Amino acid sequence: MGNLNKNEVGQPIRINLGEDITLSTPTLILLPEIGNRKDITDGVTIPNTDVTVGDETLLAGEYIEYFTKDGDLDYTGRWKFKAKLDFSSTDIRQTDFQKFRVLA
């Protein structure tokens, strides 16, 4: 993922898991360098269509997708994001953090 702008709305954040995640409840975790962690569930989906991003094809049911909303990107600087997937109360999986920048 490339850079985003501060307070930018409607930009997709996608995380490819590479396996069937359709039976999970997804959470997107946004972590600014300074400020509070944001655990987002509202609007985080597991799309049922393939999508091509650059030269990579994300397969239906294997990635999460979220479109930024007002107030999400409220800090200019370095950020990290990752996915958390709850399959059950005892089966919770997380990806590694990925880094991006929010520009002024």
C-alpha atoms as a PDB file:
ATOM      1  CA  MET A   1       0.000   0.000   0.000  1.00  0.00           C
ATOM      2  CA  GLY A   2       1.242   3.471  -0.822  1.00  0.00           C
ATOM      3  CA  ASN A   3       1.027   6.657   1.150  1.00  0.00           C
ATOM      4  CA  LEU A   4      -2.316   8.156   2.158  1.00  0.00           C
ATOM      5  CA  ASN A   5      -3.223  11.732   3.028  1.00  0.00           C
ATOM      6  CA  LYS A   6      -4.324  13.017   6.412  1.00  0.00           C
ATOM      7  CA  ASN A   7      -8.118  12.785   6.805  1.00  0.00           C
ATOM      8  CA  GLU A   8      -8.432  11.065   3.409  1.00  0.00           C
ATOM      9  CA  VAL A   9     -11.807   9.359   3.017  1.00  0.00           C
ATOM     10  CA  GLY A  10     -12.742   6.476   0.731  1.00  0.00           C
ATOM     11  CA  GLN A  11      -9.294   4.984   0.185  1.00  0.00           C
ATOM     12  CA  PRO A  12      -9.148   1.179   0.283  1.00  0.00           C
ATOM     13  CA  ILE A  13      -6.997  -0.709   2.744  1.00  0.00           C
ATOM     14  CA  ARG A  14      -6.708  -4.374   1.775  1.00  0.00           C
ATOM     15  CA  ILE A  15      -4.872  -7.200   3.490  1.00  0.00           C
ATOM     16  CA  ASN A  16      -4.377 -10.492   1.686  1.00  0.00           C
ATOM     17  CA  LEU A  17      -4.453 -13.557   3.928  1.00  0.00           C
ATOM     18  CA  GLY A  18      -4.000 -16.119   1.145  1.00  0.00           C
ATOM     19  CA  GLU A  19      -6.471 -18.589   2.659  1.00  0.00           C
ATOM     20  CA  ASP A  20     -10.225 -18.893   3.124  1.00  0.00           C
ATOM     21  CA  ILE A  21     -11.274 -16.484   5.878  1.00  0.00           C
ATOM     22  CA  THR A  22     -15.006 -16.353   5.137  1.00  0.00           C
ATOM     23  CA  LEU A  23     -15.948 -17.954   8.463  1.00  0.00           C
ATOM     24  CA  SER A  24     -14.143 -15.304  10.519  1.00  0.00           C
ATOM     25  CA  THR A  25     -15.073 -11.923  11.956  1.00  0.00           C
ATOM     26  CA  PRO A  26     -12.469  -9.436  10.674  1.00  0.00           C
ATOM     27  CA  THR A  27     -10.957  -6.472  12.499  1.00  0.00           C
ATOM     28  CA  LEU A  28      -8.596  -3.904  10.984  1.00  0.00           C
ATOM     29  CA  ILE A  29      -6.044  -2.556  13.448  1.00  0.00           C
ATOM     30  CA  LEU A  30      -4.587   0.875  12.661  1.00  0.00           C
ATOM     31  CA  LEU A  31      -1.686   2.033  14.801  1.00  0.00           C
ATOM     32  CA  PRO A  32      -0.250   5.543  14.430  1.00  0.00           C
ATOM     33  CA  GLU A  33       3.295   6.211  15.614  1.00  0.00           C
ATOM     34  CA  ILE A  34       1.826   8.699  18.106  1.00  0.00           C
ATOM     35  CA  GLY A  35      -1.695   8.268  19.388  1.00  0.00           C
ATOM     36  CA  ASN A  36      -4.129   5.514  20.143  1.00  0.00           C
ATOM     37  CA  ARG A  37      -4.576   2.195  18.391  1.00  0.00           C
ATOM     38  CA  LYS A  38      -7.802   1.920  16.398  1.00  0.00           C
ATOM     39  CA  ASP A  39      -9.546  -1.464  16.224  1.00  0.00           C
ATOM     40  CA  ILE A  40     -12.080  -1.143  13.415  1.00  0.00           C
ATOM     41  CA  THR A  41     -14.835  -3.677  12.751  1.00  0.00           C
ATOM     42  CA  ASP A  42     -17.563  -1.492  11.236  1.00  0.00           C
ATOM     43  CA  GLY A  43     -17.096  -1.492   7.468  1.00  0.00           C
ATOM     44  CA  VAL A  44     -14.395  -4.182   7.392  1.00  0.00           C
ATOM     45  CA  THR A  45     -15.486  -6.802   4.864  1.00  0.00           C
ATOM     46  CA  ILE A  46     -14.367 -10.048   3.292  1.00  0.00           C
ATOM     47  CA  PRO A  47     -15.305  -9.430  -0.360  1.00  0.00           C
ATOM     48  CA  ASN A  48     -16.671 -12.232  -2.527  1.00  0.00           C
ATOM     49  CA  THR A  49     -14.993 -10.975  -5.705  1.00  0.00           C
ATOM     50  CA  ASP A  50     -11.399 -11.076  -6.897  1.00  0.00           C
ATOM     51  CA  VAL A  51      -9.569  -7.743  -7.158  1.00  0.00           C
ATOM     52  CA  THR A  52      -6.284  -6.867  -8.838  1.00  0.00           C
ATOM     53  CA  VAL A  53      -3.989  -4.445  -7.018  1.00  0.00           C
ATOM     54  CA  GLY A  54      -0.924  -3.590  -9.067  1.00  0.00           C
ATOM     55  CA  ASP A  55       0.347  -6.942 -10.298  1.00  0.00           C
ATOM     56  CA  GLU A  56      -1.247  -8.983  -7.488  1.00  0.00           C
ATOM     57  CA  THR A  57      -4.682 -10.595  -7.637  1.00  0.00           C
ATOM     58  CA  LEU A  58      -6.468 -10.932  -4.304  1.00  0.00           C
ATOM     59  CA  LEU A  59      -8.879 -13.858  -4.364  1.00  0.00           C
ATOM     60  CA  ALA A  60     -12.467 -13.689  -3.160  1.00  0.00           C
ATOM     61  CA  GLY A  61     -12.839 -14.761   0.465  1.00  0.00           C
ATOM     62  CA  GLU A  62      -9.099 -14.479   1.133  1.00  0.00           C
ATOM     63  CA  TYR A  63      -8.641 -10.771   1.900  1.00  0.00           C
ATOM     64  CA  ILE A  64     -10.182  -8.059   4.031  1.00  0.00           C
ATOM     65  CA  GLU A  65     -11.140  -4.659   2.694  1.00  0.00           C
ATOM     66  CA  TYR A  66     -11.895  -1.358   4.368  1.00  0.00           C
ATOM     67  CA  PHE A  67     -12.474   2.113   2.952  1.00  0.00           C
ATOM     68  CA  THR A  68     -11.155   4.929   5.131  1.00  0.00           C
ATOM     69  CA  LYS A  69     -13.706   7.100   6.909  1.00  0.00           C
ATOM     70  CA  ASP A  70     -13.607  10.565   8.421  1.00  0.00           C
ATOM     71  CA  GLY A  71     -11.423  10.555  11.527  1.00  0.00           C
ATOM     72  CA  ASP A  72      -9.448   7.399  10.689  1.00  0.00           C
ATOM     73  CA  LEU A  73      -6.249   9.056   9.453  1.00  0.00           C
ATOM     74  CA  ASP A  74      -5.963  11.893  11.949  1.00  0.00           C
ATOM     75  CA  TYR A  75      -2.180  11.892  12.415  1.00  0.00           C
ATOM     76  CA  THR A  76       0.520  12.884   9.922  1.00  0.00           C
ATOM     77  CA  GLY A  77       3.425  10.455  10.056  1.00  0.00           C
ATOM     78  CA  ARG A  78       4.191   6.750  10.219  1.00  0.00           C
ATOM     79  CA  TRP A  79       1.432   4.207  10.718  1.00  0.00           C
ATOM     80  CA  LYS A  80       1.097   0.429  10.836  1.00  0.00           C
ATOM     81  CA  PHE A  81      -1.880  -1.769  10.063  1.00  0.00           C
ATOM     82  CA  LYS A  82      -2.771  -5.441  10.389  1.00  0.00           C
ATOM     83  CA  ALA A  83      -5.728  -7.808  10.294  1.00  0.00           C
ATOM     84  CA  LYS A  84      -7.182  -9.728  13.219  1.00  0.00           C
ATOM     85  CA  LEU A  85      -9.529 -12.604  12.395  1.00  0.00           C
ATOM     86  CA  ASP A  86     -11.782 -14.221  14.975  1.00  0.00           C
ATOM     87  CA  PHE A  87     -12.803 -17.698  13.818  1.00  0.00           C
ATOM     88  CA  SER A  88     -13.967 -18.617  17.331  1.00  0.00           C
ATOM     89  CA  SER A  89     -13.229 -17.614  20.912  1.00  0.00           C
ATOM     90  CA  THR A  90     -10.199 -19.923  20.884  1.00  0.00           C
ATOM     91  CA  ASP A  91      -9.091 -19.435  17.247  1.00  0.00           C
ATOM     92  CA  ILE A  92      -7.953 -15.839  16.763  1.00  0.00           C
ATOM     93  CA  ARG A  93      -5.355 -15.108  14.088  1.00  0.00           C
ATOM     94  CA  GLN A  94      -3.424 -11.928  13.274  1.00  0.00           C
ATOM     95  CA  THR A  95      -1.189 -10.866  10.430  1.00  0.00           C
ATOM     96  CA  ASP A  96       2.103  -9.053  10.860  1.00  0.00           C
ATOM     97  CA  PHE A  97       2.010  -5.271  10.821  1.00  0.00           C
ATOM     98  CA  GLN A  98       2.552  -3.506   7.498  1.00  0.00           C
ATOM     99  CA  LYS A  99       3.822   0.079   7.404  1.00  0.00           C
ATOM    100  CA  PHE A 100       2.543   3.126   5.556  1.00  0.00           C
ATOM    101  CA  ARG A 101       2.750   6.903   5.819  1.00  0.00           C
ATOM    102  CA  VAL A 102       0.057   9.509   6.187  1.00  0.00           C
ATOM    103  CA  LEU A 103       1.037  12.750   4.493  1.00  0.00           C
ATOM    104  CA  ALA A 104      -0.112  16.275   5.394  1.00  0.00           C
END
